[in-house]
């Protein structure tokens, strides 16, 4: 599909520049050690570049939340087997001595005997436990759906963290270039001051620009470190790596659909919606099982017994077989049935309300993110124009300054405007990428289309 190919172009990305991340301690080996943030700010081209696709692969392989969801699937399988037990035959063996003594005048034999037996009980009708088994099967389906949900959330969180890391790297690089430009400008002003073509105030202004830009660089480097650490924590990757220089903007084909159509698409393929629907189905099964507990159950029994005399008496060795049917019914359980019926009926209402709340949440987020995406598309176009204008203004101001027709103040303003325009363009592009990821996650593209499968 065209939509898939566009998103794959975005999620695959292209790489160039790299930043080093400190080696984070493995929690299983040294949980008490904290990562040394001071070792972060080195730039290198020798570190292996981790693309977005590879980052998602690390997150899916190492993610604790996904592993926990997979373990819960195994737990639910065990719960299902436990619920199946009451519906299967029960085999019982018994052996032991028994004293038999007549208390009333009778011809029945008396004495001490050793009795050994084997009995089998087979449920013939047990609607309540049958419905409980169906409810546990629905619980297993919920656990399997939870695995898909965790995969989608890991893809989403990793992609957002990667976009943030790329932006932080780019902002730090642009801020460093701005500082270098102000340092160059300071040298020029110092030289012109010696030639009598500038004033002391111009030199002080150039020094102030350097200090301000250096402060911004420290802040940008700190933000870069925080975003890289966040990405490393999501991937649970403790080796040095590099991130890409720039992510390509995808075509937003799916976003061209009207919001209401996107809402319908989300309701049809979001796993969270399916999870709420399964929860309602499970609550209904549990309520039906609580109601059927009012009725009796029927089971068939059969068995053999061997009796051998031990001490005295007139007992004789015997081998007997028996078979029968038993009707099991408890007319009164102290209000337990009534309480279970009220609880399960309340769960049905709660799950329906949660599904309704989720529906409106999807409706709200889809409309908001669609509008935000369209707005950011326009802002990217405007930021591109602003950056182009800033470049032209900067070149003109530099020419005027070299010819002595512009002051240091005007040159500094042009430098700041150019740097701010480029940073703003990078920020808006990053916001657009985040908005696309937000909408794709809400609609369910990250879990139902072939994007997630190809990323693996």
Protein backbone atom coordinates (compact mmCIF):
# COMPACT_ATOMS: atom_id res chain seq x y z
CA UNK A 1 0.00 0.00 0.00
CA UNK A 2 1.11 3.53 -0.65
CA UNK A 3 0.49 4.58 2.94
CA UNK A 4 2.71 1.81 4.22
CA UNK A 5 5.56 2.69 1.88
CA UNK A 6 5.41 6.34 2.96
CA UNK A 7 5.54 5.42 6.62
CA UNK A 8 8.37 2.97 6.02
CA UNK A 9 10.34 5.77 4.38
CA UNK A 10 9.79 7.79 7.54
CA UNK A 11 10.54 5.01 10.03
CA UNK A 12 13.54 3.72 8.10
CA UNK A 13 15.18 7.18 7.87
CA UNK A 14 18.63 8.08 6.56
CA UNK A 15 21.71 8.66 8.73
CA UNK A 16 24.81 10.82 8.68
CA UNK A 17 25.99 12.54 11.88
CA UNK A 18 26.46 10.68 15.15
CA UNK A 19 26.67 11.32 18.86
CA UNK A 20 28.08 9.00 21.48
CA UNK A 21 26.00 7.74 24.37
CA UNK A 22 27.62 6.57 27.61
CA UNK A 23 27.67 2.90 28.36
CA UNK A 24 24.75 2.40 30.73
CA UNK A 25 25.07 -0.22 33.47
CA UNK A 26 23.14 -3.42 33.05
CA UNK A 27 20.57 -3.58 35.85
CA UNK A 28 21.07 -7.31 36.28
CA UNK A 29 24.81 -6.81 36.88
CA UNK A 30 25.12 -3.57 38.85
CA UNK A 31 21.84 -2.01 39.85
CA UNK A 32 23.53 0.40 42.27
CA UNK A 33 25.66 2.21 39.68
CA UNK A 34 24.28 5.29 37.94
CA UNK A 35 25.27 6.31 34.38
CA UNK A 36 27.92 9.01 34.18
CA UNK A 37 26.25 11.85 32.33
CA UNK A 38 29.51 13.78 32.04
CA UNK A 39 30.78 11.34 29.42
CA UNK A 40 27.98 12.11 27.00
CA UNK A 41 29.05 15.20 25.11
CA UNK A 42 31.49 13.73 22.62
CA UNK A 43 30.93 13.78 18.91
CA UNK A 44 32.25 10.96 16.78
CA UNK A 45 31.73 9.28 13.47
CA UNK A 46 33.04 5.92 14.68
CA UNK A 47 30.05 4.86 16.76
CA UNK A 48 27.55 2.53 15.09
CA UNK A 49 24.47 4.34 13.90
CA UNK A 50 21.17 2.95 15.19
CA UNK A 51 18.34 3.77 12.84
CA UNK A 52 14.74 4.08 13.96
CA UNK A 53 13.99 0.58 12.71
CA UNK A 54 16.88 -0.85 14.73
CA UNK A 55 15.89 1.14 17.82
CA UNK A 56 12.39 -0.33 17.66
CA UNK A 57 13.92 -3.77 17.27
CA UNK A 58 15.95 -3.28 20.46
CA UNK A 59 12.86 -2.06 22.33
CA UNK A 60 10.76 -5.04 21.25
CA UNK A 61 13.54 -7.48 22.10
CA UNK A 62 14.46 -6.04 25.50
CA UNK A 63 11.22 -4.34 26.57
CA UNK A 64 10.15 -5.47 30.04
CA UNK A 65 6.53 -4.46 29.49
CA UNK A 66 6.27 -6.68 26.42
CA UNK A 67 7.90 -9.60 28.22
CA UNK A 68 5.49 -9.08 31.12
CA UNK A 69 2.52 -9.19 28.74
CA UNK A 70 3.85 -12.43 27.23
CA UNK A 71 4.22 -13.94 30.71
CA UNK A 72 0.60 -13.00 31.46
CA UNK A 73 -0.46 -14.98 28.39
CA UNK A 74 1.19 -18.04 29.91
CA UNK A 75 -0.52 -17.28 33.21
CA UNK A 76 -3.93 -17.08 31.53
CA UNK A 77 -3.29 -20.41 29.85
CA UNK A 78 -2.75 -21.90 33.29
CA UNK A 79 -5.95 -20.25 34.54
CA UNK A 80 -7.83 -21.77 31.61
CA UNK A 81 -6.50 -25.25 32.40
CA UNK A 82 -7.58 -24.77 36.03
CA UNK A 83 -11.09 -23.81 34.92
CA UNK A 84 -11.21 -26.91 32.72
CA UNK A 85 -10.46 -29.21 35.66
CA UNK A 86 -14.00 -29.32 37.20
CA UNK A 87 -15.41 -30.42 33.83
CA UNK A 88 -13.09 -33.43 33.44
CA UNK A 89 -13.38 -36.82 35.16
CA UNK A 90 -11.93 -37.11 38.65
CA UNK A 91 -10.09 -40.30 39.60
CA UNK A 92 -9.77 -41.11 43.33
CA UNK A 93 -7.99 -43.98 45.05
CA UNK A 94 -8.24 -44.95 48.71
CA UNK A 95 -6.79 -47.59 50.97
CA UNK A 96 -6.67 -48.15 54.73
CA UNK A 97 -7.82 -50.34 57.64
CA UNK A 98 -11.39 -50.14 58.91
CA UNK A 99 -13.04 -51.61 62.04
CA UNK A 100 -16.58 -52.81 61.54
CA UNK A 101 -18.64 -53.60 64.70
CA UNK A 102 -22.35 -54.19 65.00
CA UNK A 103 -24.11 -52.09 67.66
CA UNK A 104 -27.50 -53.71 67.14
CA UNK A 105 -28.33 -57.42 67.07
CA UNK A 106 -27.73 -58.40 63.48
CA UNK A 107 -26.24 -61.09 61.37
CA UNK A 108 -23.96 -58.61 59.61
CA UNK A 109 -20.29 -59.58 59.74
CA UNK A 110 -17.95 -57.72 62.08
CA UNK A 111 -14.18 -57.38 62.41
CA UNK A 112 -11.19 -55.43 61.08
CA UNK A 113 -10.66 -55.14 57.35
CA UNK A 114 -8.35 -53.52 54.81
CA UNK A 115 -10.28 -51.76 52.05
CA UNK A 116 -8.75 -50.58 48.79
CA UNK A 117 -10.78 -48.78 46.14
CA UNK A 118 -10.73 -46.82 42.89
CA UNK A 119 -13.54 -44.45 41.89
CA UNK A 120 -14.22 -42.19 38.92
CA UNK A 121 -16.59 -39.19 38.93
CA UNK A 122 -17.70 -37.77 35.58
CA UNK A 123 -19.61 -34.43 35.39
CA UNK A 124 -22.71 -34.83 33.25
CA UNK A 125 -24.21 -31.34 33.59
CA UNK A 126 -22.37 -28.35 35.06
CA UNK A 127 -23.43 -25.19 33.26
CA UNK A 128 -21.85 -22.85 35.79
CA UNK A 129 -18.32 -24.23 35.44
CA UNK A 130 -18.78 -24.43 31.67
CA UNK A 131 -19.52 -20.69 31.54
CA UNK A 132 -16.57 -20.01 33.84
CA UNK A 133 -14.34 -21.87 31.38
CA UNK A 134 -15.66 -19.71 28.55
CA UNK A 135 -14.92 -16.60 30.61
CA UNK A 136 -11.33 -17.75 31.18
CA UNK A 137 -10.92 -18.34 27.45
CA UNK A 138 -11.98 -14.74 26.87
CA UNK A 139 -9.38 -13.73 29.47
CA UNK A 140 -6.74 -15.54 27.43
CA UNK A 141 -7.85 -13.62 24.32
CA UNK A 142 -7.45 -10.39 26.31
CA UNK A 143 -3.93 -11.38 27.34
CA UNK A 144 -3.00 -12.09 23.71
CA UNK A 145 -4.46 -8.73 22.67
CA UNK A 146 -2.43 -7.07 25.43
CA UNK A 147 0.76 -8.35 23.78
CA UNK A 148 -0.22 -6.60 20.55
CA UNK A 149 -1.04 -3.45 22.52
CA UNK A 150 2.37 -3.47 24.21
CA UNK A 151 4.12 -3.93 20.87
CA UNK A 152 2.24 -0.97 19.42
CA UNK A 153 3.02 1.20 22.46
CA UNK A 154 6.71 0.28 22.36
CA UNK A 155 6.90 1.17 18.66
CA UNK A 156 5.11 4.44 19.38
CA UNK A 157 7.23 5.41 22.42
CA UNK A 158 10.49 4.45 20.72
CA UNK A 159 9.63 6.45 17.61
CA UNK A 160 8.72 9.52 19.67
CA UNK A 161 11.92 9.24 21.72
CA UNK A 162 13.95 8.84 18.54
CA UNK A 163 12.37 11.93 16.97
CA UNK A 164 13.14 13.89 20.14
CA UNK A 165 16.74 12.65 20.17
CA UNK A 166 17.27 13.63 16.53
CA UNK A 167 15.88 17.10 17.24
CA UNK A 168 18.08 17.52 20.32
CA UNK A 169 21.17 16.51 18.35
CA UNK A 170 20.33 18.94 15.56
CA UNK A 171 19.60 21.83 17.94
CA UNK A 172 22.88 21.23 19.76
CA UNK A 173 24.75 21.20 16.46
CA UNK A 174 23.08 24.41 15.25
CA UNK A 175 23.74 26.13 18.58
CA UNK A 176 27.39 25.13 18.37
CA UNK A 177 27.58 26.59 14.86
CA UNK A 178 26.00 29.79 16.14
CA UNK A 179 28.63 30.01 18.90
CA UNK A 180 31.40 29.51 16.34
CA UNK A 181 29.89 32.27 14.22
CA UNK A 182 29.81 34.68 17.18
CA UNK A 183 33.43 33.78 18.02
CA UNK A 184 34.41 34.58 14.47
CA UNK A 185 32.47 37.80 14.68
CA UNK A 186 34.27 38.67 17.95
CA UNK A 187 37.64 38.25 16.25
CA UNK A 188 36.51 40.50 13.42
CA UNK A 189 35.29 43.20 15.82
CA UNK A 190 38.52 43.00 17.80
CA UNK A 191 40.53 43.48 14.63
CA UNK A 192 38.36 46.39 13.48
CA UNK A 193 38.71 47.96 16.94
CA UNK A 194 42.49 47.92 16.56
CA UNK A 195 42.06 49.59 13.17
CA UNK A 196 39.82 52.25 14.66
CA UNK A 197 36.75 51.09 12.70
CA UNK A 198 34.76 49.87 15.72
CA UNK A 199 33.99 50.99 19.26
CA UNK A 200 34.56 49.33 22.62
CA UNK A 201 30.79 48.85 22.92
CA UNK A 202 30.88 46.74 19.75
CA UNK A 203 33.47 44.46 21.35
CA UNK A 204 31.41 44.18 24.53
CA UNK A 205 28.37 43.32 22.44
CA UNK A 206 30.30 40.58 20.66
CA UNK A 207 31.46 39.19 24.01
CA UNK A 208 27.88 39.21 25.30
CA UNK A 209 26.72 37.29 22.24
CA UNK A 210 29.41 34.65 22.89
CA UNK A 211 28.38 34.26 26.53
CA UNK A 212 24.70 34.03 25.67
CA UNK A 213 25.33 31.55 22.89
CA UNK A 214 27.59 29.44 25.11
CA UNK A 215 24.84 29.29 27.74
CA UNK A 216 22.39 28.14 25.08
CA UNK A 217 24.87 25.50 23.95
CA UNK A 218 25.17 24.07 27.47
CA UNK A 219 21.38 23.92 27.71
CA UNK A 220 21.11 22.27 24.28
CA UNK A 221 23.79 19.71 25.17
CA UNK A 222 21.99 18.89 28.40
CA UNK A 223 18.73 18.41 26.50
CA UNK A 224 20.58 16.23 24.00
CA UNK A 225 21.94 14.07 26.80
CA UNK A 226 18.53 13.69 28.41
CA UNK A 227 16.89 12.62 25.16
CA UNK A 228 19.65 10.13 24.35
CA UNK A 229 19.37 8.63 27.81
CA UNK A 230 15.61 8.40 27.44
CA UNK A 231 16.00 6.57 24.12
CA UNK A 232 18.62 4.23 25.58
CA UNK A 233 16.33 3.41 28.52
CA UNK A 234 13.44 2.56 26.22
CA UNK A 235 15.68 0.34 24.09
CA UNK A 236 17.41 -1.01 27.25
CA UNK A 237 20.63 -0.71 25.28
CA UNK A 238 23.81 -0.04 27.29
CA UNK A 239 26.39 0.28 24.52
CA UNK A 240 27.55 3.51 22.80
CA UNK A 241 25.54 4.31 19.70
CA UNK A 242 24.82 7.15 17.29
CA UNK A 243 21.54 8.52 16.02
CA UNK A 244 20.66 9.75 12.56
CA UNK A 245 21.16 13.34 11.52
CA UNK A 246 17.74 13.93 9.99
CA UNK A 247 14.49 12.04 9.47
CA UNK A 248 12.74 12.35 6.15
CA UNK A 249 9.20 13.68 6.24
CA UNK A 250 6.69 11.13 4.95
CA UNK A 251 3.68 11.83 2.80
CA UNK A 252 0.60 11.91 5.02
CA UNK A 253 -1.74 9.99 2.74
CA UNK A 254 -3.80 8.52 5.58
CA UNK A 255 -4.27 11.98 7.11
CA UNK A 256 -6.04 13.21 3.96
CA UNK A 257 -9.07 11.19 5.01
CA UNK A 258 -11.77 13.08 6.93
CA UNK A 259 -11.50 12.79 10.72
CA UNK A 260 -14.75 10.86 11.05
CA UNK A 261 -13.46 8.20 8.68
CA UNK A 262 -10.26 7.99 10.71
CA UNK A 263 -12.36 7.52 13.86
CA UNK A 264 -14.19 4.60 12.25
CA UNK A 265 -10.86 3.12 11.18
CA UNK A 266 -9.54 3.43 14.72
CA UNK A 267 -12.62 1.79 16.23
CA UNK A 268 -12.25 -1.10 13.79
CA UNK A 269 -8.56 -1.85 14.34
CA UNK A 270 -7.42 -0.45 17.69
CA UNK A 271 -6.55 -3.35 19.96
CA UNK A 272 -7.67 -1.37 23.01
CA UNK A 273 -11.20 -1.27 21.58
CA UNK A 274 -11.09 -5.03 21.08
CA UNK A 275 -9.83 -5.42 24.65
CA UNK A 276 -12.82 -3.47 26.03
CA UNK A 277 -15.20 -5.55 23.92
CA UNK A 278 -13.62 -8.77 25.21
CA UNK A 279 -13.91 -7.45 28.77
CA UNK A 280 -17.67 -6.98 28.26
CA UNK A 281 -17.94 -10.49 26.86
CA UNK A 282 -16.01 -11.92 29.81
CA UNK A 283 -18.22 -10.07 32.32
CA UNK A 284 -21.32 -11.47 30.64
CA UNK A 285 -19.96 -15.03 30.88
CA UNK A 286 -19.18 -14.55 34.57
CA UNK A 287 -22.66 -13.14 35.22
CA UNK A 288 -24.28 -16.11 33.47
CA UNK A 289 -22.11 -18.51 35.49
CA UNK A 290 -23.20 -16.79 38.73
CA UNK A 291 -26.85 -17.12 37.67
CA UNK A 292 -26.51 -20.80 36.76
CA UNK A 293 -25.05 -21.48 40.20
CA UNK A 294 -28.67 -21.40 41.39
CA UNK A 295 -29.29 -24.71 39.62
CA UNK A 296 -28.04 -28.19 40.50
CA UNK A 297 -25.30 -30.09 38.74
CA UNK A 298 -25.29 -33.79 37.86
CA UNK A 299 -22.39 -36.20 37.91
CA UNK A 300 -21.98 -39.95 37.37
CA UNK A 301 -19.78 -42.08 39.62
CA UNK A 302 -18.36 -45.55 39.27
CA UNK A 303 -15.70 -47.55 41.07
CA UNK A 304 -14.35 -50.84 42.36
CA UNK A 305 -13.40 -51.81 45.93
CA UNK A 306 -11.45 -54.74 47.39
CA UNK A 307 -12.01 -55.79 51.00
CA UNK A 308 -9.69 -58.17 52.88
CA UNK A 309 -10.12 -59.25 56.55
CA UNK A 310 -7.26 -58.41 58.91
CA UNK A 311 -7.90 -59.46 62.53
CA UNK A 312 -10.67 -61.72 63.91
CA UNK A 313 -14.34 -61.44 63.10
CA UNK A 314 -16.28 -63.17 60.41
CA UNK A 315 -15.47 -60.81 57.52
CA UNK A 316 -14.82 -62.32 54.12
CA UNK A 317 -12.71 -61.13 51.22
CA UNK A 318 -14.79 -59.30 48.61
CA UNK A 319 -14.39 -57.43 45.31
CA UNK A 320 -17.29 -55.07 44.55
CA UNK A 321 -18.23 -52.69 41.75
CA UNK A 322 -20.63 -49.80 41.99
CA UNK A 323 -22.10 -47.15 39.67
CA UNK A 324 -24.57 -44.34 40.16
CA UNK A 325 -25.58 -40.76 39.49
CA UNK A 326 -25.50 -37.88 41.98
CA UNK A 327 -27.47 -34.64 41.89
CA UNK A 328 -25.50 -31.87 43.64
CA UNK A 329 -27.35 -28.78 44.78
CA UNK A 330 -26.87 -26.25 47.56
CA UNK A 331 -30.19 -24.47 48.19
CA UNK A 332 -28.59 -21.75 50.34
CA UNK A 333 -25.04 -20.37 50.44
CA UNK A 334 -25.45 -17.48 52.85
CA UNK A 335 -25.95 -14.77 50.22
CA UNK A 336 -22.88 -15.71 48.16
CA UNK A 337 -24.91 -16.25 44.98
CA UNK A 338 -26.73 -12.92 45.32
CA UNK A 339 -23.45 -11.10 45.93
CA UNK A 340 -21.77 -12.72 42.91
CA UNK A 341 -24.69 -11.83 40.65
CA UNK A 342 -24.61 -8.18 41.72
CA UNK A 343 -20.83 -7.98 41.27
CA UNK A 344 -20.84 -9.51 37.80
CA UNK A 345 -23.79 -7.38 36.69
CA UNK A 346 -21.92 -4.29 37.88
CA UNK A 347 -18.80 -5.37 35.95
CA UNK A 348 -20.83 -5.50 32.74
CA UNK A 349 -21.95 -1.91 33.27
CA UNK A 350 -18.43 -0.77 34.13
CA UNK A 351 -16.91 -2.33 31.03
CA UNK A 352 -19.58 -0.78 28.82
CA UNK A 353 -18.90 2.65 30.31
CA UNK A 354 -15.15 2.18 29.79
CA UNK A 355 -15.76 1.30 26.14
CA UNK A 356 -17.92 4.40 25.77
CA UNK A 357 -15.22 6.56 27.38
CA UNK A 358 -12.57 5.03 25.10
CA UNK A 359 -14.75 5.74 22.05
CA UNK A 360 -15.03 9.42 22.93
CA UNK A 361 -11.33 9.56 23.77
CA UNK A 362 -10.46 8.20 20.32
CA UNK A 363 -12.93 10.64 18.74
CA UNK A 364 -11.36 13.58 20.58
CA UNK A 365 -7.73 12.62 19.95
CA UNK A 366 -8.33 11.86 16.27
CA UNK A 367 -9.94 15.23 15.58
CA UNK A 368 -7.35 17.13 17.63
CA UNK A 369 -4.36 15.38 16.08
CA UNK A 370 -5.77 15.68 12.57
CA UNK A 371 -6.24 19.43 13.03
CA UNK A 372 -2.78 19.73 14.60
CA UNK A 373 -1.24 17.84 11.70
CA UNK A 374 -2.84 20.12 9.12
CA UNK A 375 -1.72 23.19 11.09
CA UNK A 376 1.86 21.95 11.39
CA UNK A 377 1.95 21.27 7.67
CA UNK A 378 1.28 24.98 7.10
CA UNK A 379 3.79 25.96 9.79
CA UNK A 380 6.53 23.93 8.11
CA UNK A 381 5.91 25.81 4.88
CA UNK A 382 6.03 29.15 6.71
CA UNK A 383 9.18 28.15 8.64
CA UNK A 384 10.89 27.24 5.38
CA UNK A 385 10.06 30.68 3.98
CA UNK A 386 11.27 32.36 7.17
CA UNK A 387 14.54 30.45 7.06
CA UNK A 388 15.07 31.37 3.41
CA UNK A 389 14.40 35.02 4.20
CA UNK A 390 16.79 34.90 7.16
CA UNK A 391 19.53 33.51 4.93
CA UNK A 392 19.09 36.34 2.45
CA UNK A 393 19.02 38.93 5.24
CA UNK A 394 22.14 37.45 6.82
CA UNK A 395 24.09 37.54 3.56
CA UNK A 396 23.05 41.15 2.96
CA UNK A 397 23.97 42.19 6.50
CA UNK A 398 27.39 40.51 6.26
CA UNK A 399 28.11 42.35 3.01
CA UNK A 400 27.04 45.66 4.55
CA UNK A 401 29.16 45.00 7.64
CA UNK A 402 32.22 44.19 5.55
CA UNK A 403 31.72 47.47 3.71
CA UNK A 404 31.32 49.40 6.95
CA UNK A 405 27.65 50.15 6.36
CA UNK A 406 26.22 47.93 9.16
CA UNK A 407 26.95 47.88 12.87
CA UNK A 408 27.91 44.95 15.07
CA UNK A 409 24.46 45.14 16.62
CA UNK A 410 22.80 44.63 13.24
CA UNK A 411 25.18 41.79 12.38
CA UNK A 412 24.50 40.07 15.72
CA UNK A 413 20.77 40.41 15.16
CA UNK A 414 21.11 38.83 11.71
CA UNK A 415 23.17 35.96 13.17
CA UNK A 416 20.55 35.32 15.86
CA UNK A 417 17.67 35.54 13.42
CA UNK A 418 19.31 33.03 11.10
CA UNK A 419 20.08 30.56 13.90
CA UNK A 420 16.63 30.93 15.44
CA UNK A 421 14.94 30.45 12.06
CA UNK A 422 16.89 27.23 11.40
CA UNK A 423 16.17 25.91 14.89
CA UNK A 424 12.51 26.82 14.50
CA UNK A 425 12.36 24.95 11.19
CA UNK A 426 13.91 21.86 12.83
CA UNK A 427 11.48 22.14 15.75
CA UNK A 428 8.41 22.45 13.53
CA UNK A 429 9.51 19.52 11.38
CA UNK A 430 9.99 17.47 14.53
CA UNK A 431 6.55 18.51 15.79
CA UNK A 432 5.07 17.43 12.47
CA UNK A 433 6.72 14.03 12.76
CA UNK A 434 5.40 13.64 16.31
CA UNK A 435 1.92 14.62 15.16
CA UNK A 436 2.05 12.03 12.40
CA UNK A 437 3.11 9.37 14.89
CA UNK A 438 0.36 10.45 17.32
CA UNK A 439 -2.32 10.19 14.67
CA UNK A 440 -0.97 6.91 13.31
CA UNK A 441 -0.98 5.44 16.82
CA UNK A 442 -4.50 6.66 17.57
CA UNK A 443 -5.87 5.32 14.30
CA UNK A 444 -4.05 2.00 14.77
CA UNK A 445 -1.64 2.12 11.84
CA UNK A 446 1.32 1.05 13.98
CA UNK A 447 -0.33 -2.24 14.89
CA UNK A 448 -2.57 -3.29 12.01
CA UNK A 449 -0.66 -2.27 8.88
CA UNK A 450 2.49 -3.99 7.68
CA UNK A 451 4.62 -1.23 9.19
CA UNK A 452 5.22 -2.95 12.52
CA UNK A 453 5.86 -6.33 10.90
CA UNK A 454 8.45 -4.92 8.49
CA UNK A 455 10.20 -3.07 11.30
CA UNK A 456 10.90 -6.39 12.97
